[in-house]
Protein backbone atom coordinates (compact mmCIF):
# COMPACT_ATOMS: atom_id res chain seq x y z
CA MET A 1 -61.02 -22.75 140.69
CA SER A 2 -61.13 -26.49 141.31
CA VAL A 3 -60.55 -27.28 137.62
CA PHE A 4 -57.62 -24.88 137.50
CA VAL A 5 -56.06 -26.34 140.67
CA ARG A 6 -56.48 -29.86 139.30
CA TRP A 7 -54.89 -28.82 136.02
CA VAL A 8 -51.91 -27.23 137.81
CA TYR A 9 -51.60 -30.36 139.98
CA LEU A 10 -51.57 -32.60 136.91
CA ALA A 11 -49.15 -30.35 135.01
CA ALA A 12 -46.67 -30.35 137.92
CA LEU A 13 -46.96 -34.11 138.31
CA ILE A 14 -46.53 -34.74 134.59
CA VAL A 15 -43.52 -32.42 134.26
CA TRP A 16 -41.79 -33.80 137.35
CA VAL A 17 -42.24 -37.49 136.55
CA GLY A 18 -41.49 -36.81 132.89
CA GLU A 19 -38.30 -34.96 133.78
CA VAL A 20 -37.04 -37.81 135.96
CA VAL A 21 -37.89 -40.46 133.36
CA PHE A 22 -36.42 -38.51 130.45
CA PHE A 23 -33.21 -37.60 132.24
CA SER A 24 -32.68 -41.02 133.81
CA PHE A 25 -33.50 -43.21 130.83
CA VAL A 26 -32.68 -41.00 127.82
CA VAL A 27 -30.38 -38.05 128.56
CA ALA A 28 -27.84 -39.50 131.02
CA PRO A 29 -27.35 -42.80 129.15
CA ALA A 30 -26.98 -40.96 125.82
CA ILE A 31 -24.39 -38.59 127.26
CA PHE A 32 -22.35 -41.41 128.77
CA ARG A 33 -22.54 -43.38 125.49
CA THR A 34 -21.41 -40.33 123.50
CA PHE A 35 -18.24 -39.53 125.43
CA PRO A 36 -15.49 -42.14 125.68
CA PRO A 37 -14.20 -43.39 129.03
CA PRO A 38 -13.05 -42.09 131.36
CA ALA A 39 -16.27 -40.18 131.73
CA VAL A 40 -14.68 -36.79 132.44
CA GLU A 41 -16.51 -34.90 129.70
CA ALA A 42 -19.78 -36.77 130.26
CA GLY A 43 -19.56 -35.87 133.94
CA ARG A 44 -19.05 -32.22 133.06
CA VAL A 45 -22.12 -32.20 130.82
CA ILE A 46 -24.25 -33.92 133.46
CA GLY A 47 -22.87 -31.49 136.05
CA GLU A 48 -24.09 -28.59 133.92
CA ILE A 49 -27.57 -30.11 133.62
CA PHE A 50 -28.07 -30.95 137.31
CA PRO A 51 -28.69 -27.45 138.70
CA THR A 52 -31.57 -26.93 136.27
CA TYR A 53 -32.79 -30.49 136.77
CA TYR A 54 -33.08 -29.94 140.51
CA LYS A 55 -34.66 -26.48 140.13
CA ILE A 56 -37.40 -28.02 137.99
CA GLY A 57 -37.87 -30.68 140.67
CA TYR A 58 -38.07 -28.03 143.42
CA GLY A 59 -40.61 -26.02 141.45
CA CYS A 60 -42.78 -28.97 140.50
CA GLY A 61 -42.58 -30.37 144.02
CA ALA A 62 -43.60 -27.07 145.61
CA VAL A 63 -46.48 -26.58 143.17
CA LEU A 64 -47.58 -30.18 143.62
CA LEU A 65 -47.47 -29.87 147.41
CA ILE A 66 -49.48 -26.64 147.40
CA THR A 67 -52.10 -27.93 144.97
CA THR A 68 -52.36 -31.22 146.87
CA LEU A 69 -53.03 -29.30 150.07
CA VAL A 70 -55.67 -27.17 148.32
CA LEU A 71 -57.33 -30.27 146.88
CA LEU A 72 -57.12 -31.97 150.27
CA ALA A 73 -59.06 -29.13 151.84
CA THR A 74 -61.80 -29.24 149.20
CA ALA A 75 -62.07 -32.88 148.08
CA GLU A 76 -64.12 -35.84 149.14
CA THR A 77 -61.21 -38.27 148.79
CA ARG A 78 -59.26 -36.93 151.74
CA MET A 79 -57.61 -40.19 152.77
CA TRP A 80 -56.07 -40.68 149.32
CA LEU A 81 -55.07 -37.04 149.01
CA GLY A 82 -53.60 -37.16 152.51
CA MET A 83 -51.44 -40.09 151.45
CA GLY A 84 -50.57 -38.18 148.29
CA THR A 85 -49.57 -35.14 150.32
CA LEU A 86 -47.19 -37.23 152.41
CA LEU A 87 -45.80 -38.81 149.26
CA VAL A 88 -45.21 -35.41 147.63
CA ALA A 89 -43.55 -34.10 150.79
CA GLY A 90 -41.19 -37.08 150.79
CA MET A 91 -40.42 -36.66 147.09
CA LEU A 92 -39.71 -32.98 147.56
CA ALA A 93 -37.52 -33.65 150.61
CA ALA A 94 -35.52 -36.23 148.61
CA THR A 95 -35.08 -33.76 145.74
CA VAL A 96 -34.02 -30.91 148.03
CA TYR A 97 -31.53 -33.17 149.81
CA ALA A 98 -30.07 -34.47 146.53
CA GLY A 99 -29.88 -31.05 144.92
CA GLY A 100 -28.97 -28.97 147.95
CA ILE A 101 -26.67 -31.28 149.91
CA ILE A 102 -25.37 -34.03 147.64
CA LEU A 103 -24.93 -32.03 144.42
CA PRO A 104 -22.66 -29.29 145.82
CA ARG A 105 -20.35 -31.83 147.47
CA ALA A 106 -20.27 -34.08 144.40
CA THR A 107 -19.52 -31.05 142.23
CA GLU A 108 -16.63 -30.19 144.51
CA LEU A 109 -15.27 -33.75 144.31
CA ARG A 110 -15.81 -34.30 140.56
CA PRO A 111 -12.46 -32.79 139.41
CA GLN A 112 -10.60 -35.08 141.83
CA ILE A 113 -12.12 -38.40 140.78
CA HIS A 114 -10.02 -38.63 137.59
CA ASP A 115 -6.87 -37.10 139.08
CA PRO A 116 -4.32 -39.83 139.81
CA ALA A 117 -2.78 -37.66 142.54
CA ALA A 118 -6.09 -37.23 144.37
CA PRO A 119 -6.68 -39.32 147.47
CA ALA A 120 -8.71 -42.51 147.01
CA ALA A 121 -11.07 -41.22 149.68
CA ALA A 122 -12.30 -38.53 147.24
CA LYS A 123 -13.39 -41.13 144.69
CA ASP A 124 -14.96 -43.28 147.41
CA GLU A 125 -16.92 -40.32 148.74
CA PHE A 126 -18.02 -39.32 145.22
CA ASP A 127 -19.17 -42.88 144.51
CA ARG A 128 -21.11 -42.97 147.79
CA LEU A 129 -22.76 -39.62 147.04
CA HIS A 130 -23.59 -40.76 143.51
CA ARG A 131 -25.25 -43.95 144.78
CA ARG A 132 -27.24 -41.93 147.31
CA ALA A 133 -28.36 -39.45 144.62
CA VAL A 134 -29.38 -42.28 142.28
CA THR A 135 -31.33 -43.92 145.11
CA LEU A 136 -33.11 -40.66 145.92
CA ASN A 137 -33.87 -40.07 142.23
CA GLY A 138 -35.32 -43.58 142.05
CA ALA A 139 -37.42 -42.91 145.14
CA VAL A 140 -38.78 -39.73 143.54
CA LEU A 141 -39.64 -41.70 140.40
CA VAL A 142 -41.38 -44.47 142.35
CA GLY A 143 -43.22 -41.86 144.42
CA GLY A 144 -44.30 -40.07 141.26
CA VAL A 145 -45.60 -43.27 139.71
CA MET A 146 -47.47 -44.10 142.93
CA LEU A 147 -48.95 -40.61 142.91
CA THR A 148 -50.14 -41.05 139.34
CA VAL A 149 -51.87 -44.28 140.40
CA ILE A 150 -53.51 -42.53 143.35
CA THR A 151 -54.57 -39.69 141.11
CA ALA A 152 -55.94 -41.92 138.38
CA SER A 153 -57.83 -44.13 140.79
CA ARG A 154 -59.33 -41.59 143.18
CA LEU A 155 -59.71 -38.11 141.80
CA LYS A 156 -62.71 -37.34 139.69
CA PHE A 157 -61.71 -35.16 136.78
């Protein structure tokens, strides 16, 4: 069972970090380069991707948290896995907040940000939510990289 749990742990970590890297550095920039300003169409495409993006993050985060807890209960490197467990919990909390709180509100505001008749407060709120989501996404990426370092340095595979 230990080999299987380790494999599932690694698969979830790889998929989650890979998803964040691929979306952040390949998909989103390509979409915004493809559509001319203002970024109405690019925003629509990104808006269609986000629900799936966050569902993958939720799934990987949950699997990673469960497998980390299982490994924590059975491994010799408890201190490192304990730190990893806290890191995963933080990453998952950031993803759930971004996908469950920020995304719905940003989706609601998106049609207004290019409407000249919309109040300036709508664009300001959207920009603030976008910055917060980008920050959280960056935190998940940094956490994932840190977790890969912990994994590579401490777990015996």
